[in-house]
Amino acid sequence: MFIGIGLIILGFILISLDGEPHGNGVLGLTIGPIVTLAGFIFEFYAIFSKTESN
């Protein structure tokens, strides 16, 4: 789960690092949201996946 939280935080940092006004550059509109969405998907998978029990 920490990997997913790290991806979400990294995505928000990438969005904030965009040099264009209001985040209208490549980092703010494309790369940052994709990384953030990947983090949320990873979190949902980590929460809902069943663990193997022997």
C-alpha atoms as a PDB file:
ATOM      1  CA  MET A   1       0.000   0.000   0.000  1.00  0.00           C
ATOM      2  CA  PHE A   2       2.914   2.327   0.592  1.00  0.00           C
ATOM      3  CA  ILE A   3       3.843   2.064  -3.084  1.00  0.00           C
ATOM      4  CA  GLY A   4       0.380   3.316  -4.061  1.00  0.00           C
ATOM      5  CA  ILE A   5       0.556   6.202  -1.606  1.00  0.00           C
ATOM      6  CA  GLY A   6       3.998   7.058  -2.969  1.00  0.00           C
ATOM      7  CA  LEU A   7       2.678   7.066  -6.534  1.00  0.00           C
ATOM      8  CA  ILE A   8      -0.207   9.341  -5.575  1.00  0.00           C
ATOM      9  CA  ILE A   9       2.127  11.783  -3.843  1.00  0.00           C
ATOM     10  CA  LEU A  10       4.568  11.639  -6.777  1.00  0.00           C
ATOM     11  CA  GLY A  11       1.727  12.408  -9.200  1.00  0.00           C
ATOM     12  CA  PHE A  12       0.666  15.469  -7.234  1.00  0.00           C
ATOM     13  CA  ILE A  13       4.287  16.637  -7.034  1.00  0.00           C
ATOM     14  CA  LEU A  14       4.637  16.243 -10.806  1.00  0.00           C
ATOM     15  CA  ILE A  15       1.479  18.283 -11.339  1.00  0.00           C
ATOM     16  CA  SER A  16       2.775  21.043  -9.080  1.00  0.00           C
ATOM     17  CA  LEU A  17       6.198  21.116 -10.795  1.00  0.00           C
ATOM     18  CA  ASP A  18       4.681  22.109 -14.134  1.00  0.00           C
ATOM     19  CA  GLY A  19       6.087  25.461 -15.229  1.00  0.00           C
ATOM     20  CA  GLU A  20       3.091  26.489 -17.298  1.00  0.00           C
ATOM     21  CA  PRO A  21       0.428  28.702 -15.723  1.00  0.00           C
ATOM     22  CA  HIS A  22      -2.388  26.763 -14.019  1.00  0.00           C
ATOM     23  CA  GLY A  23      -0.659  23.441 -14.760  1.00  0.00           C
ATOM     24  CA  ASN A  24      -1.435  23.481 -18.477  1.00  0.00           C
ATOM     25  CA  GLY A  25       1.828  21.830 -19.584  1.00  0.00           C
ATOM     26  CA  VAL A  26       2.744  18.216 -20.242  1.00  0.00           C
ATOM     27  CA  LEU A  27       3.496  17.454 -16.592  1.00  0.00           C
ATOM     28  CA  GLY A  28       0.281  19.017 -15.306  1.00  0.00           C
ATOM     29  CA  LEU A  29      -2.111  17.603 -17.878  1.00  0.00           C
ATOM     30  CA  THR A  30      -0.636  14.249 -18.888  1.00  0.00           C
ATOM     31  CA  ILE A  31       2.125  12.677 -16.836  1.00  0.00           C
ATOM     32  CA  GLY A  32       1.039  13.802 -13.362  1.00  0.00           C
ATOM     33  CA  PRO A  33      -2.577  12.618 -13.631  1.00  0.00           C
ATOM     34  CA  ILE A  34      -1.514   9.283 -15.169  1.00  0.00           C
ATOM     35  CA  VAL A  35       0.884   8.629 -12.287  1.00  0.00           C
ATOM     36  CA  THR A  36      -1.778   9.680  -9.757  1.00  0.00           C
ATOM     37  CA  LEU A  37      -4.388   7.426 -11.372  1.00  0.00           C
ATOM     38  CA  ALA A  38      -1.903   4.528 -11.383  1.00  0.00           C
ATOM     39  CA  GLY A  39      -1.412   5.095  -7.659  1.00  0.00           C
ATOM     40  CA  PHE A  40      -5.160   4.965  -6.988  1.00  0.00           C
ATOM     41  CA  ILE A  41      -5.532   1.817  -9.103  1.00  0.00           C
ATOM     42  CA  PHE A  42      -2.651   0.220  -7.198  1.00  0.00           C
ATOM     43  CA  GLU A  43      -4.331   1.151  -3.899  1.00  0.00           C
ATOM     44  CA  PHE A  44      -7.685  -0.348  -4.949  1.00  0.00           C
ATOM     45  CA  TYR A  45      -5.924  -3.528  -6.028  1.00  0.00           C
ATOM     46  CA  ALA A  46      -4.021  -3.706  -2.733  1.00  0.00           C
ATOM     47  CA  ILE A  47      -7.221  -3.260  -0.728  1.00  0.00           C
ATOM     48  CA  PHE A  48      -9.492  -5.617  -2.675  1.00  0.00           C
ATOM     49  CA  SER A  49      -7.081  -8.398  -3.604  1.00  0.00           C
ATOM     50  CA  LYS A  50      -7.427 -11.599  -1.646  1.00  0.00           C
ATOM     51  CA  THR A  51      -4.391 -12.878   0.189  1.00  0.00           C
ATOM     52  CA  GLU A  52      -3.249 -16.463  -0.283  1.00  0.00           C
ATOM     53  CA  SER A  53      -3.931 -18.654   2.702  1.00  0.00           C
ATOM     54  CA  ASN A  54      -2.430 -22.106   3.061  1.00  0.00           C
END
